[in-house]
Amino acid sequence: MRRVVSGSRSFALFWWDFIVGDDWRIAAGVVLALAGTAAIATTSIPA
């Protein structure tokens, strides 16, 4: 069981480092841009 937890923790840390990388502000901007696009796409406003 301990090996599974260690493996899943390593997997999560890899993706955190891959997505966030050196600058968390860029990752936050991408998330906000995707959320804004998704919010506009659900309305009747032409994008």
N, C-alpha and C. Protein backbone atom coordinates (compact mmCIF):
# COMPACT_ATOMS: atom_id res chain seq x y z
N MET A 1 0.83 -1.19 0.00
CA MET A 1 0.00 0.00 0.00
C MET A 1 0.87 1.26 0.00
N ARG A 2 1.95 1.21 0.73
CA ARG A 2 2.83 2.37 0.83
C ARG A 2 3.45 2.70 -0.53
N ARG A 3 3.72 1.68 -1.31
CA ARG A 3 4.30 1.87 -2.63
C ARG A 3 3.31 2.55 -3.57
N VAL A 4 2.03 2.22 -3.42
CA VAL A 4 1.00 2.85 -4.25
C VAL A 4 0.89 4.33 -3.92
N VAL A 5 0.91 4.66 -2.64
CA VAL A 5 0.82 6.06 -2.22
C VAL A 5 2.05 6.82 -2.71
N SER A 6 3.21 6.23 -2.60
CA SER A 6 4.43 6.87 -3.05
C SER A 6 4.41 7.08 -4.56
N GLY A 7 3.93 6.10 -5.29
CA GLY A 7 3.84 6.22 -6.74
C GLY A 7 2.84 7.28 -7.18
N SER A 8 1.68 7.32 -6.52
CA SER A 8 0.68 8.31 -6.89
C SER A 8 1.13 9.72 -6.49
N ARG A 9 1.86 9.84 -5.40
CA ARG A 9 2.39 11.14 -4.99
C ARG A 9 3.43 11.61 -6.00
N SER A 10 4.28 10.71 -6.42
CA SER A 10 5.28 11.07 -7.43
C SER A 10 4.62 11.47 -8.74
N PHE A 11 3.58 10.77 -9.12
CA PHE A 11 2.84 11.08 -10.35
C PHE A 11 2.21 12.47 -10.26
N ALA A 12 1.59 12.77 -9.12
CA ALA A 12 0.97 14.08 -8.92
C ALA A 12 2.01 15.19 -8.91
N LEU A 13 3.13 14.96 -8.27
CA LEU A 13 4.19 15.97 -8.24
C LEU A 13 4.77 16.21 -9.62
N PHE A 14 4.89 15.16 -10.44
CA PHE A 14 5.37 15.32 -11.80
C PHE A 14 4.43 16.24 -12.59
N TRP A 15 3.13 15.98 -12.52
CA TRP A 15 2.19 16.79 -13.28
C TRP A 15 2.13 18.21 -12.74
N TRP A 16 2.24 18.39 -11.44
CA TRP A 16 2.28 19.74 -10.87
C TRP A 16 3.48 20.50 -11.43
N ASP A 17 4.64 19.87 -11.44
CA ASP A 17 5.84 20.52 -11.95
C ASP A 17 5.74 20.75 -13.45
N PHE A 18 5.12 19.82 -14.18
CA PHE A 18 4.99 19.95 -15.63
C PHE A 18 4.04 21.08 -16.00
N ILE A 19 2.92 21.19 -15.29
CA ILE A 19 1.91 22.21 -15.63
C ILE A 19 2.30 23.57 -15.06
N VAL A 20 2.65 23.63 -13.81
CA VAL A 20 2.95 24.90 -13.18
C VAL A 20 4.36 25.35 -13.55
N GLY A 21 5.30 24.44 -13.52
CA GLY A 21 6.66 24.76 -13.92
C GLY A 21 7.31 25.80 -13.03
N ASP A 22 8.02 26.73 -13.64
CA ASP A 22 8.76 27.73 -12.88
C ASP A 22 7.90 28.93 -12.49
N ASP A 23 6.84 29.20 -13.22
CA ASP A 23 6.06 30.41 -12.97
C ASP A 23 4.59 30.05 -12.78
N TRP A 24 4.11 30.13 -11.57
CA TRP A 24 2.73 29.77 -11.27
C TRP A 24 1.76 30.78 -11.86
N ARG A 25 2.22 32.01 -12.14
CA ARG A 25 1.33 33.03 -12.68
C ARG A 25 0.89 32.70 -14.10
N ILE A 26 1.76 32.12 -14.88
CA ILE A 26 1.39 31.72 -16.25
C ILE A 26 0.35 30.61 -16.18
N ALA A 27 0.56 29.63 -15.30
CA ALA A 27 -0.41 28.54 -15.15
C ALA A 27 -1.76 29.07 -14.70
N ALA A 28 -1.76 30.03 -13.78
CA ALA A 28 -3.01 30.63 -13.31
C ALA A 28 -3.69 31.40 -14.43
N GLY A 29 -2.93 32.10 -15.25
CA GLY A 29 -3.49 32.83 -16.39
C GLY A 29 -4.13 31.91 -17.40
N VAL A 30 -3.50 30.78 -17.66
CA VAL A 30 -4.07 29.80 -18.60
C VAL A 30 -5.36 29.24 -18.06
N VAL A 31 -5.38 28.92 -16.78
CA VAL A 31 -6.61 28.40 -16.16
C VAL A 31 -7.73 29.44 -16.22
N LEU A 32 -7.41 30.69 -15.93
CA LEU A 32 -8.42 31.75 -16.00
C LEU A 32 -8.92 31.97 -17.43
N ALA A 33 -8.02 31.90 -18.40
CA ALA A 33 -8.43 32.07 -19.79
C ALA A 33 -9.35 30.93 -20.23
N LEU A 34 -9.02 29.70 -19.84
CA LEU A 34 -9.87 28.56 -20.19
C LEU A 34 -11.23 28.66 -19.49
N ALA A 35 -11.23 29.09 -18.24
CA ALA A 35 -12.50 29.24 -17.51
C ALA A 35 -13.35 30.34 -18.14
N GLY A 36 -12.73 31.44 -18.53
CA GLY A 36 -13.47 32.52 -19.19
C GLY A 36 -14.05 32.09 -20.52
N THR A 37 -13.27 31.35 -21.29
CA THR A 37 -13.75 30.85 -22.57
C THR A 37 -14.92 29.88 -22.38
N ALA A 38 -14.80 29.02 -21.39
CA ALA A 38 -15.89 28.08 -21.10
C ALA A 38 -17.15 28.82 -20.65
N ALA A 39 -16.98 29.87 -19.86
CA ALA A 39 -18.13 30.64 -19.39
C ALA A 39 -18.81 31.36 -20.56
N ILE A 40 -18.03 31.91 -21.47
CA ILE A 40 -18.62 32.60 -22.63
C ILE A 40 -19.27 31.59 -23.58
N ALA A 41 -18.70 30.42 -23.71
CA ALA A 41 -19.23 29.42 -24.63
C ALA A 41 -20.61 28.91 -24.19
N THR A 42 -20.93 28.99 -22.91
CA THR A 42 -22.23 28.51 -22.43
C THR A 42 -23.33 29.55 -22.58
N THR A 43 -22.98 30.77 -22.98
CA THR A 43 -23.97 31.82 -23.16
C THR A 43 -24.34 31.94 -24.64
N SER A 44 -25.24 32.83 -24.93
CA SER A 44 -25.65 33.04 -26.32
C SER A 44 -24.80 34.13 -27.00
N ILE A 45 -23.79 34.63 -26.32
CA ILE A 45 -22.90 35.63 -26.88
C ILE A 45 -22.00 34.98 -27.90
N PRO A 46 -21.97 35.49 -29.14
CA PRO A 46 -21.06 34.89 -30.11
C PRO A 46 -19.60 35.22 -29.74
N ALA A 47 -18.80 34.20 -29.74
CA ALA A 47 -17.40 34.39 -29.35
C ALA A 47 -16.53 34.61 -30.56
